[in-house]
Amino acid sequence: MRFEEQLLMDLKTELAARNERSRRVGRRLFAGAAVAGLAAVAAVAVPLLTGPEPAYAVSENANGTVTVEIKEFRDAEQLEQDLKEFGVTADVTYLKPYTKCRNDRGALVGGGYDTPEEWRKSVHYKVARPGAKGFDIDPRQVAEGQTVVLEFTENPKGPVKSQLKAEVIQGAVAPCVPEQDPTQLG
């Protein structure tokens, strides 16, 4: 074999080896890109399929009370439905900072309260109490035909991030009409 022929054969062998190596590298790059693409799709799809984190948590305690932990001021209607499953008819309203609902939402059970002493003896005080995680509702304080009205107000400037007003109303509950709350600084 002549030198030129040998050189040509060596060159062909080298080119074939290079093509094989480039195919392997190309396959690896393609596989890596595919895995990265699947990871990106999963990062977007999983939260869409599983949904956002719940706005609240509801659980029953051994003593018969129901603990409500509010994480975000949203899904009021769903919270009302979930409380109904625990035997609590509720009307939940989330309010903007420095506002409250007008005081004409319905007939207060027990006729209301004027002094702190009357408040502490009332069903309104007993129905929703602060707990270790949020607040506890006592369903035994709510009779048939009564509704626990829960009004949450954001408090962005204070050490406490929200305020809760709880009352028990007999019969129909009027919708909340928000108004400025003079007791909150703003």
N, C-alpha and C. Protein backbone atom coordinates (compact mmCIF):
# COMPACT_ATOMS: atom_id res chain seq x y z
N MET A 1 0.85 -1.16 0.00
CA MET A 1 0.00 0.00 0.00
C MET A 1 0.90 1.23 0.00
N ARG A 2 0.48 2.16 -0.78
CA ARG A 2 1.27 3.38 -0.87
C ARG A 2 0.95 4.30 0.30
N PHE A 3 1.82 5.24 0.49
CA PHE A 3 1.70 6.18 1.59
C PHE A 3 0.39 6.95 1.51
N GLU A 4 -0.01 7.40 0.34
CA GLU A 4 -1.22 8.19 0.17
C GLU A 4 -2.45 7.36 0.52
N GLU A 5 -2.43 6.09 0.10
CA GLU A 5 -3.57 5.22 0.40
C GLU A 5 -3.69 4.99 1.91
N GLN A 6 -2.53 4.75 2.53
CA GLN A 6 -2.53 4.54 3.98
C GLN A 6 -3.03 5.80 4.71
N LEU A 7 -2.59 6.96 4.26
CA LEU A 7 -3.02 8.22 4.85
C LEU A 7 -4.52 8.41 4.68
N LEU A 8 -5.06 8.07 3.52
CA LEU A 8 -6.49 8.19 3.27
C LEU A 8 -7.28 7.26 4.18
N MET A 9 -6.82 6.03 4.35
CA MET A 9 -7.51 5.07 5.23
C MET A 9 -7.49 5.55 6.69
N ASP A 10 -6.35 6.08 7.12
CA ASP A 10 -6.24 6.59 8.49
C ASP A 10 -7.19 7.79 8.70
N LEU A 11 -7.25 8.63 7.69
CA LEU A 11 -8.13 9.80 7.76
C LEU A 11 -9.59 9.37 7.84
N LYS A 12 -10.00 8.38 7.04
CA LYS A 12 -11.38 7.88 7.08
C LYS A 12 -11.70 7.27 8.45
N THR A 13 -10.76 6.53 9.01
CA THR A 13 -10.96 5.92 10.33
C THR A 13 -11.13 7.01 11.39
N GLU A 14 -10.29 8.03 11.30
CA GLU A 14 -10.37 9.14 12.27
C GLU A 14 -11.69 9.88 12.15
N LEU A 15 -12.16 10.13 10.93
CA LEU A 15 -13.44 10.81 10.73
C LEU A 15 -14.60 9.98 11.25
N ALA A 16 -14.57 8.69 11.03
CA ALA A 16 -15.64 7.82 11.52
C ALA A 16 -15.68 7.85 13.05
N ALA A 17 -14.51 7.82 13.68
CA ALA A 17 -14.45 7.86 15.15
C ALA A 17 -14.97 9.19 15.68
N ARG A 18 -14.61 10.28 14.99
CA ARG A 18 -15.09 11.60 15.41
C ARG A 18 -16.62 11.69 15.29
N ASN A 19 -17.17 11.19 14.21
CA ASN A 19 -18.63 11.22 14.02
C ASN A 19 -19.33 10.45 15.13
N GLU A 20 -18.78 9.30 15.50
CA GLU A 20 -19.38 8.49 16.57
C GLU A 20 -19.34 9.25 17.90
N ARG A 21 -18.18 9.89 18.20
CA ARG A 21 -18.06 10.66 19.44
C ARG A 21 -19.04 11.84 19.44
N SER A 22 -19.17 12.52 18.32
CA SER A 22 -20.06 13.68 18.27
C SER A 22 -21.52 13.24 18.40
N ARG A 23 -21.86 12.04 17.87
CA ARG A 23 -23.22 11.53 18.05
C ARG A 23 -23.50 11.24 19.52
N ARG A 24 -22.51 10.66 20.22
CA ARG A 24 -22.69 10.37 21.65
C ARG A 24 -22.85 11.67 22.45
N VAL A 25 -22.02 12.66 22.15
CA VAL A 25 -22.11 13.95 22.84
C VAL A 25 -23.45 14.60 22.52
N GLY A 26 -23.87 14.54 21.27
CA GLY A 26 -25.15 15.11 20.87
C GLY A 26 -26.31 14.44 21.60
N ARG A 27 -26.25 13.10 21.72
CA ARG A 27 -27.29 12.38 22.45
C ARG A 27 -27.31 12.79 23.92
N ARG A 28 -26.12 12.94 24.50
CA ARG A 28 -26.05 13.36 25.90
C ARG A 28 -26.62 14.76 26.09
N LEU A 29 -26.26 15.66 25.18
CA LEU A 29 -26.80 17.02 25.27
C LEU A 29 -28.31 17.01 25.11
N PHE A 30 -28.81 16.23 24.18
CA PHE A 30 -30.25 16.13 23.96
C PHE A 30 -30.93 15.56 25.21
N ALA A 31 -30.36 14.51 25.78
CA ALA A 31 -30.94 13.90 26.98
C ALA A 31 -30.92 14.89 28.14
N GLY A 32 -29.83 15.63 28.30
CA GLY A 32 -29.74 16.63 29.36
C GLY A 32 -30.77 17.73 29.18
N ALA A 33 -30.93 18.18 27.94
CA ALA A 33 -31.92 19.23 27.66
C ALA A 33 -33.33 18.71 27.92
N ALA A 34 -33.59 17.45 27.57
CA ALA A 34 -34.91 16.87 27.80
C ALA A 34 -35.21 16.79 29.30
N VAL A 35 -34.23 16.35 30.09
CA VAL A 35 -34.42 16.27 31.54
C VAL A 35 -34.66 17.66 32.12
N ALA A 36 -33.88 18.64 31.69
CA ALA A 36 -34.07 20.01 32.17
C ALA A 36 -35.45 20.54 31.79
N GLY A 37 -35.88 20.23 30.58
CA GLY A 37 -37.21 20.66 30.14
C GLY A 37 -38.32 20.02 30.97
N LEU A 38 -38.19 18.73 31.25
CA LEU A 38 -39.19 18.05 32.07
C LEU A 38 -39.22 18.63 33.49
N ALA A 39 -38.06 18.95 34.02
CA ALA A 39 -38.00 19.55 35.36
C ALA A 39 -38.70 20.90 35.38
N ALA A 40 -38.49 21.70 34.33
CA ALA A 40 -39.14 23.01 34.25
C ALA A 40 -40.65 22.86 34.14
N VAL A 41 -41.10 21.91 33.33
CA VAL A 41 -42.54 21.67 33.19
C VAL A 41 -43.12 21.22 34.52
N ALA A 42 -42.43 20.33 35.22
CA ALA A 42 -42.91 19.85 36.52
C ALA A 42 -42.98 20.99 37.53
N ALA A 43 -42.00 21.89 37.50
CA ALA A 43 -41.99 23.01 38.45
C ALA A 43 -43.20 23.91 38.25
N VAL A 44 -43.67 24.02 37.03
CA VAL A 44 -44.84 24.85 36.74
C VAL A 44 -46.13 24.06 36.92
N ALA A 45 -46.14 22.82 36.45
CA ALA A 45 -47.37 22.02 36.43
C ALA A 45 -47.81 21.56 37.81
N VAL A 46 -46.89 21.17 38.67
CA VAL A 46 -47.28 20.62 39.97
C VAL A 46 -48.08 21.64 40.78
N PRO A 47 -47.62 22.90 40.94
CA PRO A 47 -48.47 23.85 41.68
C PRO A 47 -49.81 24.11 41.00
N LEU A 48 -49.84 24.08 39.66
CA LEU A 48 -51.10 24.30 38.97
C LEU A 48 -52.07 23.15 39.22
N LEU A 49 -51.56 21.94 39.25
CA LEU A 49 -52.41 20.77 39.46
C LEU A 49 -52.82 20.62 40.92
N THR A 50 -51.92 20.88 41.83
CA THR A 50 -52.23 20.71 43.25
C THR A 50 -52.88 21.95 43.84
N GLY A 51 -52.77 23.08 43.17
CA GLY A 51 -53.37 24.31 43.64
C GLY A 51 -52.48 25.04 44.62
N PRO A 52 -52.86 26.28 44.95
CA PRO A 52 -52.06 27.06 45.89
C PRO A 52 -52.23 26.51 47.31
N GLU A 53 -51.37 26.98 48.19
CA GLU A 53 -51.48 26.57 49.60
C GLU A 53 -52.82 27.07 50.14
N PRO A 54 -53.48 26.27 50.98
CA PRO A 54 -54.78 26.68 51.51
C PRO A 54 -54.69 28.00 52.28
N ALA A 55 -55.77 28.78 52.21
CA ALA A 55 -55.82 30.07 52.88
C ALA A 55 -56.06 29.92 54.38
N TYR A 56 -56.52 28.75 54.79
CA TYR A 56 -56.85 28.52 56.20
C TYR A 56 -56.81 27.03 56.49
N ALA A 57 -56.87 26.70 57.77
CA ALA A 57 -56.97 25.30 58.19
C ALA A 57 -58.07 25.22 59.25
N VAL A 58 -58.87 24.15 59.19
CA VAL A 58 -59.93 23.92 60.16
C VAL A 58 -59.75 22.52 60.72
N SER A 59 -59.80 22.40 62.04
CA SER A 59 -59.68 21.08 62.66
C SER A 59 -60.54 21.02 63.92
N GLU A 60 -60.98 19.80 64.24
CA GLU A 60 -61.81 19.59 65.42
C GLU A 60 -60.93 19.18 66.60
N ASN A 61 -61.24 19.71 67.77
CA ASN A 61 -60.49 19.40 68.98
C ASN A 61 -61.24 18.37 69.81
N ALA A 62 -60.53 17.72 70.71
CA ALA A 62 -61.12 16.68 71.56
C ALA A 62 -62.25 17.22 72.44
N ASN A 63 -62.18 18.50 72.80
CA ASN A 63 -63.21 19.09 73.67
C ASN A 63 -64.44 19.57 72.90
N GLY A 64 -64.50 19.31 71.58
CA GLY A 64 -65.66 19.68 70.78
C GLY A 64 -65.54 21.02 70.09
N THR A 65 -64.52 21.80 70.42
CA THR A 65 -64.33 23.08 69.73
C THR A 65 -63.68 22.85 68.38
N VAL A 66 -63.74 23.86 67.54
CA VAL A 66 -63.17 23.80 66.20
C VAL A 66 -62.12 24.90 66.09
N THR A 67 -60.90 24.52 65.73
CA THR A 67 -59.82 25.49 65.57
C THR A 67 -59.76 25.97 64.13
N VAL A 68 -59.68 27.28 63.96
CA VAL A 68 -59.54 27.90 62.64
C VAL A 68 -58.24 28.69 62.65
N GLU A 69 -57.38 28.37 61.69
CA GLU A 69 -56.12 29.09 61.53
C GLU A 69 -56.15 29.79 60.17
N ILE A 70 -56.19 31.12 60.18
CA ILE A 70 -56.24 31.90 58.94
C ILE A 70 -54.81 32.19 58.50
N LYS A 71 -54.50 31.82 57.25
CA LYS A 71 -53.18 32.09 56.69
C LYS A 71 -53.22 33.25 55.70
N GLU A 72 -54.33 33.35 54.97
CA GLU A 72 -54.54 34.44 54.00
C GLU A 72 -56.00 34.84 54.03
N PHE A 73 -56.26 36.11 53.77
CA PHE A 73 -57.64 36.60 53.73
C PHE A 73 -58.25 36.33 52.36
N ARG A 74 -58.61 35.08 52.12
CA ARG A 74 -59.30 34.70 50.88
C ARG A 74 -60.11 33.43 51.15
N ASP A 75 -60.99 33.09 50.24
CA ASP A 75 -61.82 31.88 50.31
C ASP A 75 -62.81 31.90 51.47
N ALA A 76 -63.43 33.05 51.72
CA ALA A 76 -64.39 33.17 52.83
C ALA A 76 -65.56 32.21 52.65
N GLU A 77 -66.08 32.10 51.43
CA GLU A 77 -67.23 31.22 51.20
C GLU A 77 -66.87 29.76 51.45
N GLN A 78 -65.67 29.35 51.06
CA GLN A 78 -65.24 27.97 51.30
C GLN A 78 -65.06 27.72 52.80
N LEU A 79 -64.55 28.70 53.52
CA LEU A 79 -64.41 28.56 54.97
C LEU A 79 -65.79 28.38 55.61
N GLU A 80 -66.77 29.14 55.15
CA GLU A 80 -68.14 28.99 55.67
C GLU A 80 -68.64 27.57 55.44
N GLN A 81 -68.40 27.02 54.25
CA GLN A 81 -68.84 25.65 53.94
C GLN A 81 -68.11 24.64 54.82
N ASP A 82 -66.81 24.83 55.01
CA ASP A 82 -66.04 23.89 55.83
C ASP A 82 -66.49 23.94 57.29
N LEU A 83 -66.80 25.12 57.80
CA LEU A 83 -67.29 25.23 59.18
C LEU A 83 -68.64 24.55 59.33
N LYS A 84 -69.47 24.63 58.29
CA LYS A 84 -70.78 23.97 58.33
C LYS A 84 -70.63 22.47 58.53
N GLU A 85 -69.57 21.87 57.95
CA GLU A 85 -69.31 20.44 58.13
C GLU A 85 -69.00 20.11 59.59
N PHE A 86 -68.56 21.10 60.36
CA PHE A 86 -68.29 20.90 61.79
C PHE A 86 -69.47 21.37 62.65
N GLY A 87 -70.60 21.65 62.01
CA GLY A 87 -71.79 22.04 62.75
C GLY A 87 -71.89 23.51 63.08
N VAL A 88 -71.11 24.34 62.41
CA VAL A 88 -71.11 25.78 62.69
C VAL A 88 -71.62 26.53 61.46
N THR A 89 -72.76 27.22 61.61
CA THR A 89 -73.22 28.11 60.55
C THR A 89 -72.50 29.44 60.75
N ALA A 90 -71.79 29.87 59.71
CA ALA A 90 -70.96 31.07 59.86
C ALA A 90 -71.12 32.00 58.66
N ASP A 91 -70.88 33.28 58.92
CA ASP A 91 -70.79 34.30 57.89
C ASP A 91 -69.42 34.94 58.07
N VAL A 92 -68.53 34.75 57.08
CA VAL A 92 -67.15 35.20 57.18
C VAL A 92 -66.93 36.39 56.26
N THR A 93 -66.35 37.46 56.81
CA THR A 93 -66.04 38.65 56.02
C THR A 93 -64.60 39.06 56.28
N TYR A 94 -63.86 39.30 55.21
CA TYR A 94 -62.50 39.83 55.30
C TYR A 94 -62.55 41.30 54.91
N LEU A 95 -62.03 42.15 55.78
CA LEU A 95 -62.10 43.60 55.57
C LEU A 95 -60.72 44.19 55.34
N LYS A 96 -60.71 45.31 54.65
CA LYS A 96 -59.46 46.04 54.43
C LYS A 96 -59.04 46.74 55.72
N PRO A 97 -57.78 47.16 55.80
CA PRO A 97 -57.32 47.85 57.00
C PRO A 97 -58.19 49.07 57.34
N TYR A 98 -58.35 49.29 58.64
CA TYR A 98 -59.03 50.46 59.19
C TYR A 98 -60.52 50.52 58.85
N THR A 99 -61.11 49.36 58.55
CA THR A 99 -62.55 49.33 58.29
C THR A 99 -63.21 48.29 59.18
N LYS A 100 -64.54 48.37 59.24
CA LYS A 100 -65.36 47.41 59.97
C LYS A 100 -66.71 47.34 59.27
N CYS A 101 -67.49 46.34 59.60
CA CYS A 101 -68.86 46.27 59.08
C CYS A 101 -69.75 47.14 59.96
N ARG A 102 -70.75 47.76 59.34
CA ARG A 102 -71.73 48.51 60.14
C ARG A 102 -72.36 47.57 61.16
N ASN A 103 -72.83 48.12 62.26
CA ASN A 103 -73.37 47.31 63.35
C ASN A 103 -74.84 46.94 63.16
N ASP A 104 -75.31 46.84 61.94
CA ASP A 104 -76.72 46.51 61.72
C ASP A 104 -76.88 45.23 60.90
N ARG A 105 -76.15 44.19 61.29
CA ARG A 105 -76.16 42.95 60.49
C ARG A 105 -77.24 41.97 60.92
N GLY A 106 -77.89 42.22 62.06
CA GLY A 106 -78.95 41.32 62.51
C GLY A 106 -79.16 41.42 64.01
N ALA A 107 -80.10 40.59 64.50
CA ALA A 107 -80.46 40.59 65.93
C ALA A 107 -79.43 39.80 66.73
N LEU A 108 -78.70 40.49 67.60
CA LEU A 108 -77.69 39.84 68.43
C LEU A 108 -78.36 38.93 69.46
N VAL A 109 -77.85 37.71 69.58
CA VAL A 109 -78.36 36.78 70.59
C VAL A 109 -78.06 37.37 71.96
N GLY A 110 -79.06 37.38 72.83
CA GLY A 110 -78.88 37.92 74.18
C GLY A 110 -79.01 39.43 74.24
N GLY A 111 -79.32 40.05 73.13
CA GLY A 111 -79.57 41.49 73.13
C GLY A 111 -78.34 42.37 73.10
N GLY A 112 -77.18 41.82 72.97
CA GLY A 112 -75.98 42.65 72.86
C GLY A 112 -75.30 42.86 74.20
N TYR A 113 -74.45 43.89 74.25
CA TYR A 113 -73.60 44.15 75.41
C TYR A 113 -73.18 45.61 75.37
N ASP A 114 -73.04 46.20 76.56
CA ASP A 114 -72.63 47.60 76.65
C ASP A 114 -71.33 47.78 77.42
N THR A 115 -71.05 46.88 78.34
CA THR A 115 -69.86 47.01 79.19
C THR A 115 -68.94 45.80 78.97
N PRO A 116 -67.67 45.94 79.35
CA PRO A 116 -66.76 44.78 79.25
C PRO A 116 -67.27 43.59 80.07
N GLU A 117 -67.90 43.85 81.20
CA GLU A 117 -68.45 42.78 82.04
C GLU A 117 -69.56 42.04 81.29
N GLU A 118 -70.46 42.79 80.66
CA GLU A 118 -71.54 42.16 79.87
C GLU A 118 -70.95 41.37 78.70
N TRP A 119 -69.92 41.91 78.09
CA TRP A 119 -69.26 41.23 76.96
C TRP A 119 -68.71 39.87 77.39
N ARG A 120 -68.00 39.84 78.53
CA ARG A 120 -67.39 38.59 79.00
C ARG A 120 -68.43 37.54 79.38
N LYS A 121 -69.62 37.95 79.72
CA LYS A 121 -70.69 37.01 80.08
C LYS A 121 -71.52 36.59 78.86
N SER A 122 -71.31 37.25 77.74
CA SER A 122 -72.16 37.02 76.57
C SER A 122 -71.71 35.82 75.74
N VAL A 123 -72.62 35.33 74.92
CA VAL A 123 -72.31 34.25 73.99
C VAL A 123 -71.29 34.70 72.94
N HIS A 124 -71.27 35.99 72.66
CA HIS A 124 -70.35 36.54 71.66
C HIS A 124 -68.90 36.37 72.10
N TYR A 125 -68.66 36.51 73.40
CA TYR A 125 -67.33 36.32 73.97
C TYR A 125 -66.97 34.83 73.98
N LYS A 126 -67.93 33.98 74.29
CA LYS A 126 -67.67 32.54 74.45
C LYS A 126 -67.57 31.79 73.13
N VAL A 127 -68.16 32.30 72.07
CA VAL A 127 -68.24 31.53 70.82
C VAL A 127 -66.89 31.40 70.11
N ALA A 128 -66.06 32.41 70.16
CA ALA A 128 -64.76 32.37 69.46
C ALA A 128 -63.68 32.93 70.38
N ARG A 129 -62.75 32.06 70.77
CA ARG A 129 -61.69 32.44 71.70
C ARG A 129 -60.33 32.22 71.05
N PRO A 130 -59.35 33.08 71.38
CA PRO A 130 -58.00 32.86 70.85
C PRO A 130 -57.48 31.49 71.28
N GLY A 131 -56.80 30.83 70.35
CA GLY A 131 -56.22 29.52 70.65
C GLY A 131 -54.73 29.51 70.33
N ALA A 132 -54.12 28.35 70.49
CA ALA A 132 -52.69 28.23 70.22
C ALA A 132 -52.37 28.51 68.75
N LYS A 133 -53.26 28.10 67.86
CA LYS A 133 -53.08 28.32 66.41
C LYS A 133 -54.35 28.98 65.88
N GLY A 134 -54.44 30.26 65.93
CA GLY A 134 -55.63 30.94 65.42
C GLY A 134 -56.65 31.15 66.53
N PHE A 135 -57.89 30.67 66.31
CA PHE A 135 -58.93 30.82 67.31
C PHE A 135 -59.81 29.58 67.31
N ASP A 136 -60.50 29.37 68.44
CA ASP A 136 -61.36 28.21 68.60
C ASP A 136 -62.81 28.65 68.63
N ILE A 137 -63.65 27.97 67.86
CA ILE A 137 -65.09 28.21 67.86
C ILE A 137 -65.74 27.09 68.65
N ASP A 138 -66.68 27.45 69.52
CA ASP A 138 -67.42 26.45 70.29
C ASP A 138 -68.80 26.30 69.66
N PRO A 139 -69.03 25.23 68.91
CA PRO A 139 -70.33 25.04 68.25
C PRO A 139 -71.50 24.96 69.23
N ARG A 140 -71.24 24.59 70.49
CA ARG A 140 -72.31 24.49 71.49
C ARG A 140 -72.90 25.86 71.83
N GLN A 141 -72.21 26.93 71.47
CA GLN A 141 -72.68 28.28 71.74
C GLN A 141 -73.61 28.81 70.63
N VAL A 142 -73.79 28.00 69.58
CA VAL A 142 -74.58 28.44 68.43
C VAL A 142 -75.77 27.49 68.27
N ALA A 143 -76.97 28.00 68.53
CA ALA A 143 -78.18 27.18 68.44
C ALA A 143 -78.71 27.16 67.01
N GLU A 144 -79.68 26.32 66.78
CA GLU A 144 -80.35 26.23 65.48
C GLU A 144 -80.91 27.61 65.12
N GLY A 145 -80.72 28.03 63.88
CA GLY A 145 -81.23 29.32 63.43
C GLY A 145 -80.32 30.49 63.77
N GLN A 146 -79.16 30.20 64.35
CA GLN A 146 -78.20 31.24 64.69
C GLN A 146 -76.96 31.12 63.80
N THR A 147 -76.29 32.24 63.61
CA THR A 147 -75.09 32.30 62.76
C THR A 147 -73.97 33.00 63.51
N VAL A 148 -72.77 32.41 63.43
CA VAL A 148 -71.58 33.08 63.96
C VAL A 148 -71.09 34.03 62.88
N VAL A 149 -71.04 35.30 63.18
CA VAL A 149 -70.56 36.31 62.24
C VAL A 149 -69.11 36.60 62.60
N LEU A 150 -68.21 36.30 61.67
CA LEU A 150 -66.77 36.48 61.88
C LEU A 150 -66.27 37.57 60.93
N GLU A 151 -65.79 38.65 61.51
CA GLU A 151 -65.26 39.76 60.71
C GLU A 151 -63.78 39.91 61.01
N PHE A 152 -62.96 39.73 59.98
CA PHE A 152 -61.50 39.84 60.11
C PHE A 152 -61.05 41.13 59.45
N THR A 153 -60.27 41.92 60.18
CA THR A 153 -59.75 43.17 59.65
C THR A 153 -58.23 43.12 59.66
N GLU A 154 -57.63 43.42 58.50
CA GLU A 154 -56.17 43.49 58.43
C GLU A 154 -55.68 44.67 59.26
N ASN A 155 -54.53 44.49 59.89
CA ASN A 155 -53.92 45.54 60.71
C ASN A 155 -52.44 45.60 60.35
N PRO A 156 -52.09 46.27 59.24
CA PRO A 156 -50.72 46.21 58.74
C PRO A 156 -49.67 46.89 59.61
N LYS A 157 -50.08 47.82 60.48
CA LYS A 157 -49.09 48.59 61.25
C LYS A 157 -48.87 48.06 62.66
N GLY A 158 -49.77 47.27 63.18
CA GLY A 158 -49.65 46.84 64.56
C GLY A 158 -48.88 45.54 64.72
N PRO A 159 -48.53 45.23 65.96
CA PRO A 159 -47.85 43.96 66.21
C PRO A 159 -48.77 42.77 65.93
N VAL A 160 -50.08 42.98 66.06
CA VAL A 160 -51.06 41.95 65.72
C VAL A 160 -51.51 42.24 64.29
N LYS A 161 -51.38 41.26 63.40
CA LYS A 161 -51.61 41.49 61.97
C LYS A 161 -53.08 41.53 61.57
N SER A 162 -53.97 41.08 62.45
CA SER A 162 -55.39 41.14 62.12
C SER A 162 -56.20 41.17 63.41
N GLN A 163 -57.45 41.61 63.28
CA GLN A 163 -58.38 41.64 64.39
C GLN A 163 -59.60 40.81 64.01
N LEU A 164 -60.18 40.15 65.00
CA LEU A 164 -61.38 39.35 64.79
C LEU A 164 -62.50 39.89 65.66
N LYS A 165 -63.64 40.09 65.04
CA LYS A 165 -64.86 40.40 65.78
C LYS A 165 -65.81 39.24 65.53
N ALA A 166 -66.29 38.63 66.61
CA ALA A 166 -67.20 37.50 66.50
C ALA A 166 -68.49 37.82 67.25
N GLU A 167 -69.61 37.60 66.59
CA GLU A 167 -70.92 37.79 67.21
C GLU A 167 -71.83 36.67 66.75
N VAL A 168 -72.85 36.40 67.55
CA VAL A 168 -73.84 35.40 67.18
C VAL A 168 -75.14 36.14 66.90
N ILE A 169 -75.69 35.89 65.71
CA ILE A 169 -76.90 36.58 65.27
C ILE A 169 -78.02 35.56 65.11
N GLN A 170 -79.20 35.94 65.60
CA GLN A 170 -80.40 35.10 65.47
C GLN A 170 -81.09 35.45 64.16
N GLY A 171 -81.38 34.46 63.33
CA GLY A 171 -82.09 34.69 62.08
C GLY A 171 -81.17 35.14 60.97
N ALA A 172 -81.75 35.92 60.06
CA ALA A 172 -81.02 36.34 58.85
C ALA A 172 -79.88 37.30 59.20
N VAL A 173 -78.80 37.16 58.44
CA VAL A 173 -77.64 38.04 58.60
C VAL A 173 -77.58 38.97 57.39
N ALA A 174 -77.54 40.27 57.66
CA ALA A 174 -77.44 41.25 56.57
C ALA A 174 -76.01 41.26 56.04
N PRO A 175 -75.85 41.61 54.75
CA PRO A 175 -74.49 41.70 54.20
C PRO A 175 -73.69 42.78 54.92
N CYS A 176 -72.39 42.61 54.92
CA CYS A 176 -71.49 43.60 55.52
C CYS A 176 -71.46 44.86 54.66
N VAL A 177 -71.65 46.00 55.31
CA VAL A 177 -71.45 47.29 54.66
C VAL A 177 -70.22 47.90 55.33
N PRO A 178 -69.06 47.89 54.64
CA PRO A 178 -67.84 48.39 55.27
C PRO A 178 -67.90 49.89 55.52
N GLU A 179 -67.32 50.29 56.64
CA GLU A 179 -67.20 51.70 56.98
C GLU A 179 -65.89 51.90 57.73
N GLN A 180 -65.46 53.15 57.82
CA GLN A 180 -64.22 53.49 58.53
C GLN A 180 -64.36 53.09 59.99
N ASP A 181 -63.30 52.50 60.56
CA ASP A 181 -63.31 52.11 61.97
C ASP A 181 -62.53 53.14 62.77
N PRO A 182 -63.21 53.96 63.57
CA PRO A 182 -62.52 55.01 64.32
C PRO A 182 -61.62 54.46 65.43
N THR A 183 -61.79 53.20 65.82
CA THR A 183 -60.96 52.63 66.89
C THR A 183 -59.60 52.20 66.38
N GLN A 184 -59.43 52.10 65.08
CA GLN A 184 -58.13 51.70 64.51
C GLN A 184 -57.41 52.95 64.03
N LEU A 185 -56.15 53.03 64.35
CA LEU A 185 -55.35 54.16 63.89
C LEU A 185 -55.00 53.97 62.44
N GLY A 186 -55.07 55.01 61.64
CA GLY A 186 -54.76 54.85 60.24
C GLY A 186 -54.29 56.04 59.58
